[in-house]
Amino acid sequence: MSLQLGCVNIYMQIQLVETKVYSLVICDQEEDKPLTGLKVGTAFHPAELEQFTIVFDLQVATSDNERVFDIKFVAFFKSDKEITEADRELHFFNVNAPAIAYPFLRSYVANVMLLSGYEPVMLSTINFSQLAKDIAAENEVKEIQDNSGMIEKPEDRN
């Protein structure tokens, strides 16, 4: 992948290392809560400057709207170079990386619902580029911050 920062080209190899489900809760649908919702955030690791994480927080209802799957799904990426503060604002980290990881979440949701005895729900596709433009137009920046310490680096689990 080639990133351009100002007039200088920076070549950075970025790889999706793994995806992981950090939590999965199946509960009864509450009438006052929305049936579906998705939050997406990018987390950068302060100690490992070559790594970053895309976090999806998803609530999706079964086809009969009686149960809700609440899922926290994480995709780990690594780079061959340190990711600087300036790099963090680049399109890739906030648009392309979520777009790369999202199909893995879609597949997981469809399969886990089917294997759990429910009619599978296929999440719709998302145009992350257009979504970023819409958010910028509204001057809203939304981030998922992990204050619970749930997100760990892949090598920490060994």
N, C-alpha and C. Protein backbone atom coordinates (compact mmCIF):
# COMPACT_ATOMS: atom_id res chain seq x y z
N MET A 1 0.83 -1.17 0.00
CA MET A 1 0.00 0.00 0.00
C MET A 1 0.88 1.23 0.00
N SER A 2 0.53 2.23 -0.77
CA SER A 2 1.28 3.48 -0.83
C SER A 2 0.41 4.58 -0.27
N LEU A 3 0.90 5.27 0.73
CA LEU A 3 0.19 6.40 1.30
C LEU A 3 0.92 7.67 0.93
N GLN A 4 0.19 8.74 0.63
CA GLN A 4 0.83 10.00 0.31
C GLN A 4 0.52 10.99 1.42
N LEU A 5 1.57 11.54 2.00
CA LEU A 5 1.43 12.50 3.08
C LEU A 5 2.10 13.79 2.63
N GLY A 6 1.31 14.79 2.33
CA GLY A 6 1.87 16.02 1.77
C GLY A 6 2.44 15.73 0.39
N CYS A 7 3.68 16.13 0.16
CA CYS A 7 4.34 15.87 -1.12
C CYS A 7 5.26 14.66 -1.06
N VAL A 8 5.26 13.98 0.07
CA VAL A 8 6.18 12.86 0.26
C VAL A 8 5.40 11.56 0.21
N ASN A 9 5.87 10.60 -0.57
CA ASN A 9 5.24 9.28 -0.59
C ASN A 9 5.82 8.43 0.53
N ILE A 10 4.96 7.80 1.26
CA ILE A 10 5.38 6.89 2.32
C ILE A 10 4.83 5.52 1.94
N TYR A 11 5.71 4.55 1.88
CA TYR A 11 5.27 3.20 1.56
C TYR A 11 5.15 2.42 2.85
N MET A 12 4.00 1.87 3.08
CA MET A 12 3.72 1.16 4.31
C MET A 12 2.97 -0.12 3.96
N GLN A 13 3.49 -1.24 4.39
CA GLN A 13 2.80 -2.51 4.21
C GLN A 13 1.91 -2.73 5.41
N ILE A 14 0.61 -2.86 5.18
CA ILE A 14 -0.35 -3.07 6.26
C ILE A 14 -1.05 -4.39 6.03
N GLN A 15 -1.20 -5.17 7.10
CA GLN A 15 -1.76 -6.51 7.00
C GLN A 15 -2.81 -6.72 8.08
N LEU A 16 -3.91 -7.36 7.70
CA LEU A 16 -4.90 -7.80 8.67
C LEU A 16 -4.34 -9.07 9.31
N VAL A 17 -4.09 -9.04 10.60
CA VAL A 17 -3.47 -10.16 11.31
C VAL A 17 -4.52 -11.19 11.70
N GLU A 18 -5.59 -10.72 12.35
CA GLU A 18 -6.65 -11.64 12.77
C GLU A 18 -7.89 -10.86 13.16
N THR A 19 -9.00 -11.57 13.24
CA THR A 19 -10.24 -11.02 13.78
C THR A 19 -10.64 -11.86 14.97
N LYS A 20 -11.35 -11.23 15.90
CA LYS A 20 -11.74 -11.94 17.11
C LYS A 20 -13.03 -11.35 17.66
N VAL A 21 -13.85 -12.22 18.22
CA VAL A 21 -15.05 -11.78 18.92
C VAL A 21 -14.70 -11.65 20.39
N TYR A 22 -14.86 -10.43 20.93
CA TYR A 22 -14.56 -10.21 22.34
C TYR A 22 -15.75 -10.45 23.23
N SER A 23 -16.94 -10.25 22.68
CA SER A 23 -18.13 -10.58 23.47
C SER A 23 -19.29 -10.87 22.53
N LEU A 24 -20.12 -11.77 22.97
CA LEU A 24 -21.34 -12.14 22.26
C LEU A 24 -22.40 -12.40 23.30
N VAL A 25 -23.46 -11.59 23.27
CA VAL A 25 -24.56 -11.75 24.21
C VAL A 25 -25.84 -11.86 23.39
N ILE A 26 -26.63 -12.88 23.71
CA ILE A 26 -27.94 -13.04 23.07
C ILE A 26 -28.97 -12.79 24.15
N CYS A 27 -29.82 -11.79 23.95
CA CYS A 27 -30.79 -11.46 24.99
C CYS A 27 -32.15 -11.15 24.37
N ASP A 28 -33.16 -11.09 25.23
CA ASP A 28 -34.50 -10.73 24.77
C ASP A 28 -34.51 -9.28 24.31
N GLN A 29 -35.31 -9.02 23.30
CA GLN A 29 -35.45 -7.66 22.79
C GLN A 29 -36.23 -6.83 23.79
N GLU A 30 -35.67 -5.69 24.17
CA GLU A 30 -36.37 -4.75 25.03
C GLU A 30 -37.07 -3.73 24.16
N GLU A 31 -38.29 -3.39 24.52
CA GLU A 31 -39.10 -2.53 23.66
C GLU A 31 -38.54 -1.12 23.51
N ASP A 32 -37.85 -0.61 24.52
CA ASP A 32 -37.37 0.76 24.46
C ASP A 32 -35.98 0.89 23.83
N LYS A 33 -35.39 -0.22 23.41
CA LYS A 33 -34.06 -0.17 22.79
C LYS A 33 -34.18 -0.41 21.29
N PRO A 34 -33.28 0.22 20.51
CA PRO A 34 -33.32 -0.02 19.06
C PRO A 34 -32.95 -1.46 18.72
N LEU A 35 -33.50 -1.95 17.61
CA LEU A 35 -33.26 -3.32 17.20
C LEU A 35 -31.85 -3.54 16.67
N THR A 36 -31.32 -2.57 15.98
CA THR A 36 -29.98 -2.72 15.41
C THR A 36 -29.18 -1.45 15.60
N GLY A 37 -27.88 -1.60 15.61
CA GLY A 37 -26.99 -0.46 15.70
C GLY A 37 -25.57 -0.92 15.50
N LEU A 38 -24.74 -0.04 14.94
CA LEU A 38 -23.34 -0.36 14.70
C LEU A 38 -22.49 0.85 15.03
N LYS A 39 -21.46 0.64 15.82
CA LYS A 39 -20.45 1.66 16.09
C LYS A 39 -19.12 1.09 15.63
N VAL A 40 -18.31 1.95 15.03
CA VAL A 40 -17.01 1.53 14.52
C VAL A 40 -15.97 2.51 15.03
N GLY A 41 -14.85 1.98 15.50
CA GLY A 41 -13.78 2.85 15.97
C GLY A 41 -12.43 2.28 15.64
N THR A 42 -11.43 3.15 15.66
CA THR A 42 -10.05 2.75 15.43
C THR A 42 -9.27 3.02 16.70
N ALA A 43 -8.54 2.01 17.17
CA ALA A 43 -7.72 2.16 18.37
C ALA A 43 -6.26 1.92 17.99
N PHE A 44 -5.40 2.80 18.45
CA PHE A 44 -3.97 2.67 18.21
C PHE A 44 -3.30 2.27 19.51
N HIS A 45 -2.35 1.37 19.42
CA HIS A 45 -1.69 0.83 20.60
C HIS A 45 -0.50 1.73 20.97
N PRO A 46 -0.51 2.30 22.17
CA PRO A 46 0.57 3.23 22.54
C PRO A 46 1.94 2.55 22.64
N ALA A 47 1.99 1.30 23.03
CA ALA A 47 3.27 0.61 23.20
C ALA A 47 3.74 -0.05 21.90
N GLU A 48 2.82 -0.41 21.04
CA GLU A 48 3.15 -1.09 19.78
C GLU A 48 2.75 -0.16 18.64
N LEU A 49 3.66 0.70 18.22
CA LEU A 49 3.35 1.75 17.26
C LEU A 49 3.11 1.24 15.85
N GLU A 50 3.35 -0.04 15.61
CA GLU A 50 3.10 -0.61 14.28
C GLU A 50 1.72 -1.27 14.22
N GLN A 51 0.96 -1.25 15.29
CA GLN A 51 -0.31 -1.97 15.33
C GLN A 51 -1.48 -1.02 15.55
N PHE A 52 -2.62 -1.42 15.00
CA PHE A 52 -3.87 -0.72 15.30
C PHE A 52 -5.00 -1.72 15.21
N THR A 53 -6.13 -1.33 15.77
CA THR A 53 -7.27 -2.22 15.90
C THR A 53 -8.53 -1.51 15.42
N ILE A 54 -9.37 -2.23 14.70
CA ILE A 54 -10.69 -1.74 14.33
C ILE A 54 -11.68 -2.46 15.24
N VAL A 55 -12.54 -1.70 15.90
CA VAL A 55 -13.50 -2.26 16.84
C VAL A 55 -14.91 -2.02 16.30
N PHE A 56 -15.68 -3.09 16.18
CA PHE A 56 -17.08 -3.01 15.79
C PHE A 56 -17.93 -3.37 17.01
N ASP A 57 -18.89 -2.54 17.33
CA ASP A 57 -19.84 -2.82 18.40
C ASP A 57 -21.21 -2.87 17.73
N LEU A 58 -21.79 -4.07 17.64
CA LEU A 58 -22.98 -4.30 16.83
C LEU A 58 -24.11 -4.88 17.66
N GLN A 59 -25.31 -4.37 17.43
CA GLN A 59 -26.52 -4.98 17.95
C GLN A 59 -27.40 -5.28 16.74
N VAL A 60 -27.80 -6.55 16.62
CA VAL A 60 -28.64 -6.95 15.49
C VAL A 60 -29.73 -7.87 15.99
N ALA A 61 -30.96 -7.61 15.56
CA ALA A 61 -32.11 -8.39 15.99
C ALA A 61 -32.30 -9.61 15.09
N THR A 62 -32.88 -10.66 15.68
CA THR A 62 -33.25 -11.82 14.89
C THR A 62 -34.39 -11.43 13.96
N SER A 63 -34.66 -12.25 12.96
CA SER A 63 -35.68 -11.90 11.96
C SER A 63 -37.06 -11.75 12.58
N ASP A 64 -37.33 -12.41 13.70
CA ASP A 64 -38.63 -12.26 14.37
C ASP A 64 -38.64 -11.12 15.39
N ASN A 65 -37.54 -10.41 15.52
CA ASN A 65 -37.38 -9.27 16.43
C ASN A 65 -37.60 -9.61 17.90
N GLU A 66 -37.44 -10.87 18.26
CA GLU A 66 -37.61 -11.26 19.65
C GLU A 66 -36.30 -11.31 20.41
N ARG A 67 -35.20 -11.54 19.73
CA ARG A 67 -33.89 -11.65 20.37
C ARG A 67 -32.92 -10.67 19.71
N VAL A 68 -31.91 -10.26 20.49
CA VAL A 68 -30.89 -9.36 19.98
C VAL A 68 -29.52 -9.98 20.24
N PHE A 69 -28.70 -9.97 19.21
CA PHE A 69 -27.30 -10.38 19.33
C PHE A 69 -26.49 -9.11 19.55
N ASP A 70 -25.76 -9.04 20.64
CA ASP A 70 -24.90 -7.90 20.95
C ASP A 70 -23.46 -8.40 20.83
N ILE A 71 -22.73 -7.87 19.87
CA ILE A 71 -21.42 -8.41 19.50
C ILE A 71 -20.37 -7.31 19.52
N LYS A 72 -19.23 -7.59 20.16
CA LYS A 72 -18.05 -6.74 20.03
C LYS A 72 -17.03 -7.55 19.24
N PHE A 73 -16.71 -7.08 18.05
CA PHE A 73 -15.87 -7.77 17.09
C PHE A 73 -14.65 -6.90 16.81
N VAL A 74 -13.46 -7.48 16.84
CA VAL A 74 -12.23 -6.72 16.74
C VAL A 74 -11.37 -7.28 15.61
N ALA A 75 -10.77 -6.39 14.83
CA ALA A 75 -9.83 -6.77 13.78
C ALA A 75 -8.47 -6.14 14.08
N PHE A 76 -7.44 -6.98 14.13
CA PHE A 76 -6.08 -6.53 14.43
C PHE A 76 -5.29 -6.35 13.13
N PHE A 77 -4.66 -5.20 12.99
CA PHE A 77 -3.81 -4.90 11.84
C PHE A 77 -2.40 -4.60 12.32
N LYS A 78 -1.44 -4.83 11.43
CA LYS A 78 -0.05 -4.42 11.73
C LYS A 78 0.56 -3.82 10.48
N SER A 79 1.55 -2.99 10.73
CA SER A 79 2.26 -2.29 9.67
C SER A 79 3.75 -2.61 9.77
N ASP A 80 4.46 -2.45 8.67
CA ASP A 80 5.90 -2.66 8.72
C ASP A 80 6.64 -1.41 9.21
N LYS A 81 5.92 -0.32 9.45
CA LYS A 81 6.52 0.92 9.95
C LYS A 81 5.67 1.45 11.11
N GLU A 82 6.28 2.29 11.91
CA GLU A 82 5.54 2.93 12.99
C GLU A 82 4.44 3.82 12.42
N ILE A 83 3.30 3.84 13.08
CA ILE A 83 2.17 4.68 12.68
C ILE A 83 2.26 5.95 13.52
N THR A 84 2.51 7.06 12.87
CA THR A 84 2.68 8.32 13.58
C THR A 84 1.32 8.98 13.86
N GLU A 85 1.36 10.03 14.67
CA GLU A 85 0.14 10.79 14.95
C GLU A 85 -0.46 11.33 13.66
N ALA A 86 0.38 11.82 12.76
CA ALA A 86 -0.11 12.34 11.48
C ALA A 86 -0.74 11.23 10.64
N ASP A 87 -0.17 10.04 10.67
CA ASP A 87 -0.71 8.91 9.91
C ASP A 87 -2.12 8.55 10.37
N ARG A 88 -2.39 8.70 11.64
CA ARG A 88 -3.67 8.28 12.21
C ARG A 88 -4.87 8.97 11.59
N GLU A 89 -4.66 10.12 11.00
CA GLU A 89 -5.75 10.87 10.38
C GLU A 89 -5.96 10.48 8.91
N LEU A 90 -5.10 9.63 8.38
CA LEU A 90 -5.22 9.23 6.98
C LEU A 90 -6.47 8.41 6.73
N HIS A 91 -6.94 8.52 5.51
CA HIS A 91 -8.14 7.84 5.05
C HIS A 91 -8.08 6.33 5.32
N PHE A 92 -6.92 5.73 5.14
CA PHE A 92 -6.81 4.28 5.28
C PHE A 92 -7.26 3.79 6.65
N PHE A 93 -6.82 4.43 7.69
CA PHE A 93 -7.07 3.93 9.04
C PHE A 93 -8.52 4.09 9.49
N ASN A 94 -9.20 5.07 8.93
CA ASN A 94 -10.57 5.34 9.35
C ASN A 94 -11.63 4.92 8.34
N VAL A 95 -11.21 4.58 7.13
CA VAL A 95 -12.17 4.19 6.09
C VAL A 95 -11.81 2.83 5.50
N ASN A 96 -10.61 2.69 4.97
CA ASN A 96 -10.24 1.46 4.28
C ASN A 96 -10.14 0.27 5.24
N ALA A 97 -9.49 0.46 6.37
CA ALA A 97 -9.33 -0.66 7.31
C ALA A 97 -10.68 -1.18 7.81
N PRO A 98 -11.63 -0.32 8.21
CA PRO A 98 -12.95 -0.86 8.57
C PRO A 98 -13.63 -1.57 7.39
N ALA A 99 -13.44 -1.05 6.18
CA ALA A 99 -14.03 -1.70 5.00
C ALA A 99 -13.42 -3.07 4.74
N ILE A 100 -12.15 -3.24 5.07
CA ILE A 100 -11.49 -4.54 4.91
C ILE A 100 -12.01 -5.53 5.95
N ALA A 101 -12.20 -5.08 7.18
CA ALA A 101 -12.60 -5.97 8.27
C ALA A 101 -14.10 -6.27 8.29
N TYR A 102 -14.92 -5.37 7.78
CA TYR A 102 -16.38 -5.52 7.88
C TYR A 102 -16.93 -6.82 7.26
N PRO A 103 -16.44 -7.28 6.12
CA PRO A 103 -16.97 -8.56 5.58
C PRO A 103 -16.77 -9.75 6.52
N PHE A 104 -15.72 -9.72 7.33
CA PHE A 104 -15.51 -10.79 8.31
C PHE A 104 -16.59 -10.74 9.39
N LEU A 105 -16.98 -9.55 9.81
CA LEU A 105 -18.08 -9.39 10.76
C LEU A 105 -19.39 -9.86 10.15
N ARG A 106 -19.66 -9.47 8.91
CA ARG A 106 -20.90 -9.88 8.24
C ARG A 106 -21.02 -11.40 8.18
N SER A 107 -19.93 -12.04 7.81
CA SER A 107 -19.92 -13.50 7.71
C SER A 107 -20.14 -14.14 9.08
N TYR A 108 -19.46 -13.61 10.09
CA TYR A 108 -19.59 -14.15 11.44
C TYR A 108 -21.04 -14.05 11.92
N VAL A 109 -21.66 -12.90 11.72
CA VAL A 109 -23.05 -12.70 12.19
C VAL A 109 -23.99 -13.69 11.52
N ALA A 110 -23.89 -13.83 10.21
CA ALA A 110 -24.78 -14.76 9.50
C ALA A 110 -24.58 -16.20 9.99
N ASN A 111 -23.31 -16.60 10.16
CA ASN A 111 -23.03 -17.97 10.58
C ASN A 111 -23.42 -18.25 12.03
N VAL A 112 -23.13 -17.33 12.93
CA VAL A 112 -23.44 -17.59 14.34
C VAL A 112 -24.95 -17.60 14.57
N MET A 113 -25.68 -16.78 13.85
CA MET A 113 -27.15 -16.80 13.99
C MET A 113 -27.71 -18.12 13.47
N LEU A 114 -27.21 -18.57 12.34
CA LEU A 114 -27.65 -19.84 11.78
C LEU A 114 -27.32 -21.00 12.72
N LEU A 115 -26.10 -21.03 13.22
CA LEU A 115 -25.67 -22.11 14.11
C LEU A 115 -26.36 -22.04 15.48
N SER A 116 -26.91 -20.88 15.81
CA SER A 116 -27.63 -20.72 17.08
C SER A 116 -29.11 -21.04 16.94
N GLY A 117 -29.53 -21.43 15.74
CA GLY A 117 -30.91 -21.84 15.54
C GLY A 117 -31.84 -20.73 15.08
N TYR A 118 -31.28 -19.60 14.67
CA TYR A 118 -32.09 -18.48 14.20
C TYR A 118 -31.92 -18.33 12.70
N GLU A 119 -32.88 -17.67 12.10
CA GLU A 119 -32.77 -17.34 10.69
C GLU A 119 -31.57 -16.40 10.52
N PRO A 120 -30.64 -16.71 9.62
CA PRO A 120 -29.47 -15.83 9.50
C PRO A 120 -29.85 -14.45 8.97
N VAL A 121 -29.19 -13.45 9.49
CA VAL A 121 -29.38 -12.08 9.04
C VAL A 121 -28.10 -11.68 8.30
N MET A 122 -28.26 -11.25 7.05
CA MET A 122 -27.12 -10.77 6.30
C MET A 122 -27.08 -9.25 6.44
N LEU A 123 -26.05 -8.76 7.11
CA LEU A 123 -25.91 -7.32 7.29
C LEU A 123 -25.72 -6.66 5.93
N SER A 124 -26.28 -5.49 5.78
CA SER A 124 -26.13 -4.79 4.51
C SER A 124 -24.70 -4.30 4.34
N THR A 125 -24.32 -4.05 3.10
CA THR A 125 -22.98 -3.51 2.86
C THR A 125 -22.96 -2.05 3.30
N ILE A 126 -21.78 -1.57 3.62
CA ILE A 126 -21.61 -0.18 4.06
C ILE A 126 -20.56 0.47 3.17
N ASN A 127 -20.87 1.63 2.69
CA ASN A 127 -19.91 2.43 1.95
C ASN A 127 -19.19 3.30 2.99
N PHE A 128 -18.06 2.83 3.50
CA PHE A 128 -17.35 3.53 4.57
C PHE A 128 -16.82 4.88 4.09
N SER A 129 -16.51 5.00 2.82
CA SER A 129 -16.03 6.26 2.28
C SER A 129 -17.14 7.32 2.35
N GLN A 130 -18.33 6.95 1.93
CA GLN A 130 -19.47 7.88 1.98
C GLN A 130 -19.85 8.18 3.43
N LEU A 131 -19.78 7.16 4.27
CA LEU A 131 -20.09 7.35 5.69
C LEU A 131 -19.13 8.38 6.31
N ALA A 132 -17.85 8.28 5.98
CA ALA A 132 -16.87 9.24 6.49
C ALA A 132 -17.18 10.66 6.00
N LYS A 133 -17.60 10.78 4.75
CA LYS A 133 -17.97 12.09 4.22
C LYS A 133 -19.19 12.64 4.93
N ASP A 134 -20.18 11.79 5.18
CA ASP A 134 -21.39 12.22 5.89
C ASP A 134 -21.07 12.69 7.30
N ILE A 135 -20.21 11.95 7.98
CA ILE A 135 -19.85 12.32 9.34
C ILE A 135 -19.07 13.63 9.35
N ALA A 136 -18.15 13.77 8.40
CA ALA A 136 -17.38 15.01 8.32
C ALA A 136 -18.29 16.20 8.04
N ALA A 137 -19.29 15.98 7.21
CA ALA A 137 -20.22 17.06 6.87
C ALA A 137 -21.01 17.50 8.10
N GLU A 138 -21.26 16.57 8.99
CA GLU A 138 -22.00 16.89 10.21
C GLU A 138 -21.06 17.34 11.34
N ASN A 139 -19.75 17.36 11.06
CA ASN A 139 -18.74 17.70 12.06
C ASN A 139 -18.83 16.82 13.30
N GLU A 140 -19.16 15.56 13.08
CA GLU A 140 -19.21 14.62 14.19
C GLU A 140 -18.07 13.63 14.03
N VAL A 141 -17.32 13.46 15.06
CA VAL A 141 -16.28 12.45 15.09
C VAL A 141 -16.62 11.52 16.23
N LYS A 142 -16.82 10.25 15.92
CA LYS A 142 -17.19 9.28 16.95
C LYS A 142 -16.08 8.27 17.08
N GLU A 143 -15.67 8.02 18.29
CA GLU A 143 -14.62 7.06 18.56
C GLU A 143 -15.08 6.09 19.62
N ILE A 144 -14.62 4.87 19.50
CA ILE A 144 -14.82 3.90 20.55
C ILE A 144 -13.54 3.87 21.36
N GLN A 145 -13.64 4.16 22.61
CA GLN A 145 -12.48 4.12 23.47
C GLN A 145 -12.60 2.91 24.36
N ASP A 146 -11.53 2.19 24.48
CA ASP A 146 -11.55 1.00 25.31
C ASP A 146 -10.98 1.34 26.68
N ASN A 147 -11.85 1.66 27.61
CA ASN A 147 -11.43 1.98 28.96
C ASN A 147 -11.46 0.75 29.86
N SER A 148 -11.98 -0.34 29.33
CA SER A 148 -12.12 -1.54 30.15
C SER A 148 -10.90 -2.44 30.09
N GLY A 149 -9.97 -2.17 29.19
CA GLY A 149 -8.80 -3.03 29.05
C GLY A 149 -9.10 -4.34 28.36
N MET A 150 -10.25 -4.42 27.66
CA MET A 150 -10.63 -5.68 27.00
C MET A 150 -9.77 -5.99 25.79
N ILE A 151 -9.29 -4.96 25.10
CA ILE A 151 -8.55 -5.21 23.87
C ILE A 151 -7.10 -5.52 24.20
N GLU A 152 -6.66 -6.64 23.72
CA GLU A 152 -5.26 -7.04 23.93
C GLU A 152 -4.63 -7.29 22.58
N LYS A 153 -3.33 -7.19 22.52
CA LYS A 153 -2.62 -7.50 21.29
C LYS A 153 -2.61 -9.00 21.09
N PRO A 154 -2.57 -9.48 19.84
CA PRO A 154 -2.60 -10.91 19.60
C PRO A 154 -1.50 -11.68 20.34
N GLU A 155 -0.30 -11.10 20.40
CA GLU A 155 0.80 -11.85 21.06
C GLU A 155 0.66 -11.88 22.58
N ASP A 156 -0.20 -11.01 23.17
CA ASP A 156 -0.41 -11.03 24.62
C ASP A 156 -1.18 -12.27 25.07
N ARG A 157 -1.89 -12.91 24.15
CA ARG A 157 -2.72 -14.06 24.52
C ARG A 157 -1.93 -15.35 24.61
N ASN A 158 -0.72 -15.36 24.12
CA ASN A 158 0.09 -16.60 24.11
C ASN A 158 0.69 -16.87 25.46
